[in-house]
C-alpha atoms as a PDB file:
ATOM      1  CA  UNK A   1     -20.558  15.751 -82.442  1.00  0.00           C
ATOM      2  CA  UNK A   2     -19.457  18.990 -80.902  1.00  0.00           C
ATOM      3  CA  UNK A   3     -17.923  19.644 -77.577  1.00  0.00           C
ATOM      4  CA  UNK A   4     -20.060  20.829 -74.633  1.00  0.00           C
ATOM      5  CA  UNK A   5     -19.984  24.548 -74.328  1.00  0.00           C
ATOM      6  CA  UNK A   6     -21.203  26.775 -71.530  1.00  0.00           C
ATOM      7  CA  UNK A   7     -22.879  30.080 -72.380  1.00  0.00           C
ATOM      8  CA  UNK A   8     -23.893  32.701 -69.760  1.00  0.00           C
ATOM      9  CA  UNK A   9     -25.782  35.901 -70.262  1.00  0.00           C
ATOM     10  CA  UNK A  10     -25.533  39.107 -68.062  1.00  0.00           C
ATOM     11  CA  UNK A  11     -28.730  38.017 -66.244  1.00  0.00           C
ATOM     12  CA  UNK A  12     -27.306  34.838 -64.816  1.00  0.00           C
ATOM     13  CA  UNK A  13     -29.051  32.526 -67.274  1.00  0.00           C
ATOM     14  CA  UNK A  14     -26.879  29.740 -68.401  1.00  0.00           C
ATOM     15  CA  UNK A  15     -26.757  26.732 -70.802  1.00  0.00           C
ATOM     16  CA  UNK A  16     -24.569  23.848 -71.472  1.00  0.00           C
ATOM     17  CA  UNK A  17     -25.014  23.032 -75.151  1.00  0.00           C
ATOM     18  CA  UNK A  18     -23.882  20.417 -77.589  1.00  0.00           C
ATOM     19  CA  UNK A  19     -24.095  21.779 -81.187  1.00  0.00           C
ATOM     20  CA  UNK A  20     -23.067  20.255 -84.578  1.00  0.00           C
ATOM     21  CA  UNK A  21     -22.575  22.523 -87.461  1.00  0.00           C
ATOM     22  CA  UNK A  22     -24.180  25.349 -85.567  1.00  0.00           C
ATOM     23  CA  UNK A  23     -27.296  23.373 -84.931  1.00  0.00           C
ATOM     24  CA  UNK A  24     -28.499  22.668 -81.303  1.00  0.00           C
ATOM     25  CA  UNK A  25     -28.406  19.031 -80.558  1.00  0.00           C
ATOM     26  CA  UNK A  26     -28.724  19.059 -76.772  1.00  0.00           C
ATOM     27  CA  UNK A  27     -29.004  21.581 -73.924  1.00  0.00           C
ATOM     28  CA  UNK A  28     -29.169  21.844 -70.149  1.00  0.00           C
ATOM     29  CA  UNK A  29     -30.612  25.170 -68.970  1.00  0.00           C
ATOM     30  CA  UNK A  30     -30.021  26.733 -65.558  1.00  0.00           C
ATOM     31  CA  UNK A  31     -29.595  29.974 -63.563  1.00  0.00           C
ATOM     32  CA  UNK A  32     -27.286  31.256 -61.026  1.00  0.00           C
ATOM     33  CA  UNK A  33     -28.790  32.677 -57.826  1.00  0.00           C
ATOM     34  CA  UNK A  34     -25.996  33.575 -55.388  1.00  0.00           C
ATOM     35  CA  UNK A  35     -23.956  30.306 -54.910  1.00  0.00           C
ATOM     36  CA  UNK A  36     -26.930  28.190 -56.302  1.00  0.00           C
ATOM     37  CA  UNK A  37     -27.132  26.683 -59.673  1.00  0.00           C
ATOM     38  CA  UNK A  38     -30.772  25.951 -60.435  1.00  0.00           C
ATOM     39  CA  UNK A  39     -31.168  23.356 -63.253  1.00  0.00           C
ATOM     40  CA  UNK A  40     -34.565  23.675 -64.746  1.00  0.00           C
ATOM     41  CA  UNK A  41     -34.573  22.244 -68.351  1.00  0.00           C
ATOM     42  CA  UNK A  42     -32.961  19.537 -70.391  1.00  0.00           C
ATOM     43  CA  UNK A  43     -33.561  18.752 -74.041  1.00  0.00           C
ATOM     44  CA  UNK A  44     -32.001  16.296 -76.386  1.00  0.00           C
ATOM     45  CA  UNK A  45     -32.871  16.055 -80.099  1.00  0.00           C
ATOM     46  CA  UNK A  46     -34.878  12.911 -80.770  1.00  0.00           C
ATOM     47  CA  UNK A  47     -32.189  11.329 -83.043  1.00  0.00           C
ATOM     48  CA  UNK A  48     -29.785  11.422 -80.057  1.00  0.00           C
ATOM     49  CA  UNK A  49     -31.967  10.258 -77.288  1.00  0.00           C
ATOM     50  CA  UNK A  50     -30.798   7.109 -75.599  1.00  0.00           C
ATOM     51  CA  UNK A  51     -27.095   7.925 -76.296  1.00  0.00           C
ATOM     52  CA  UNK A  52     -26.205   9.451 -72.918  1.00  0.00           C
ATOM     53  CA  UNK A  53     -26.123  13.047 -74.024  1.00  0.00           C
ATOM     54  CA  UNK A  54     -28.340  14.425 -71.204  1.00  0.00           C
ATOM     55  CA  UNK A  55     -25.943  12.472 -68.734  1.00  0.00           C
ATOM     56  CA  UNK A  56     -22.881  14.008 -70.348  1.00  0.00           C
ATOM     57  CA  UNK A  57     -24.519  17.538 -69.876  1.00  0.00           C
ATOM     58  CA  UNK A  58     -25.308  16.788 -66.282  1.00  0.00           C
ATOM     59  CA  UNK A  59     -21.780  15.389 -65.591  1.00  0.00           C
ATOM     60  CA  UNK A  60     -20.465  18.699 -67.049  1.00  0.00           C
ATOM     61  CA  UNK A  61     -22.788  20.687 -64.835  1.00  0.00           C
ATOM     62  CA  UNK A  62     -21.794  18.782 -61.673  1.00  0.00           C
ATOM     63  CA  UNK A  63     -18.079  19.269 -62.526  1.00  0.00           C
ATOM     64  CA  UNK A  64     -18.721  23.002 -62.793  1.00  0.00           C
ATOM     65  CA  UNK A  65     -20.649  22.963 -59.520  1.00  0.00           C
ATOM     66  CA  UNK A  66     -17.836  21.258 -57.745  1.00  0.00           C
ATOM     67  CA  UNK A  67     -15.143  23.505 -59.192  1.00  0.00           C
ATOM     68  CA  UNK A  68     -16.857  26.702 -58.060  1.00  0.00           C
ATOM     69  CA  UNK A  69     -18.229  25.327 -54.833  1.00  0.00           C
ATOM     70  CA  UNK A  70     -21.904  25.891 -55.901  1.00  0.00           C
ATOM     71  CA  UNK A  71     -24.977  24.003 -54.699  1.00  0.00           C
ATOM     72  CA  UNK A  72     -27.271  22.327 -57.437  1.00  0.00           C
ATOM     73  CA  UNK A  73     -30.892  22.620 -57.135  1.00  0.00           C
ATOM     74  CA  UNK A  74     -32.604  20.348 -59.659  1.00  0.00           C
ATOM     75  CA  UNK A  75     -36.007  21.346 -60.964  1.00  0.00           C
ATOM     76  CA  UNK A  76     -35.805  19.270 -64.009  1.00  0.00           C
ATOM     77  CA  UNK A  77     -37.414  15.811 -63.789  1.00  0.00           C
ATOM     78  CA  UNK A  78     -34.512  14.179 -65.601  1.00  0.00           C
ATOM     79  CA  UNK A  79     -32.058  15.584 -63.082  1.00  0.00           C
ATOM     80  CA  UNK A  80     -34.096  14.369 -60.025  1.00  0.00           C
ATOM     81  CA  UNK A  81     -34.130  10.867 -61.584  1.00  0.00           C
ATOM     82  CA  UNK A  82     -30.345  10.849 -62.215  1.00  0.00           C
ATOM     83  CA  UNK A  83     -29.491  12.372 -58.876  1.00  0.00           C
ATOM     84  CA  UNK A  84     -31.547   9.757 -57.003  1.00  0.00           C
ATOM     85  CA  UNK A  85     -29.635   7.065 -58.828  1.00  0.00           C
ATOM     86  CA  UNK A  86     -26.133   8.641 -58.347  1.00  0.00           C
ATOM     87  CA  UNK A  87     -25.145   9.682 -54.885  1.00  0.00           C
ATOM     88  CA  UNK A  88     -22.967  12.723 -54.504  1.00  0.00           C
END
């Protein structure tokens, strides 16, 4: 399984992705607005669900948020559920 990569376009749209042989396996999409990181979509391929891939993406996003002193706003239902279980 590939490493988690961050891709950002010139409009502030970003995605943490996991690819294998150039095929998307999982993603966490978000946008930057000022010092806010707004997470709005998570997707994991069916064959990888239940293996913690969405949590890995979230952990990478949180590490990024802390490193750059951003505030996460979670619009994605998965993120709400995970953040409710895991205090800051």
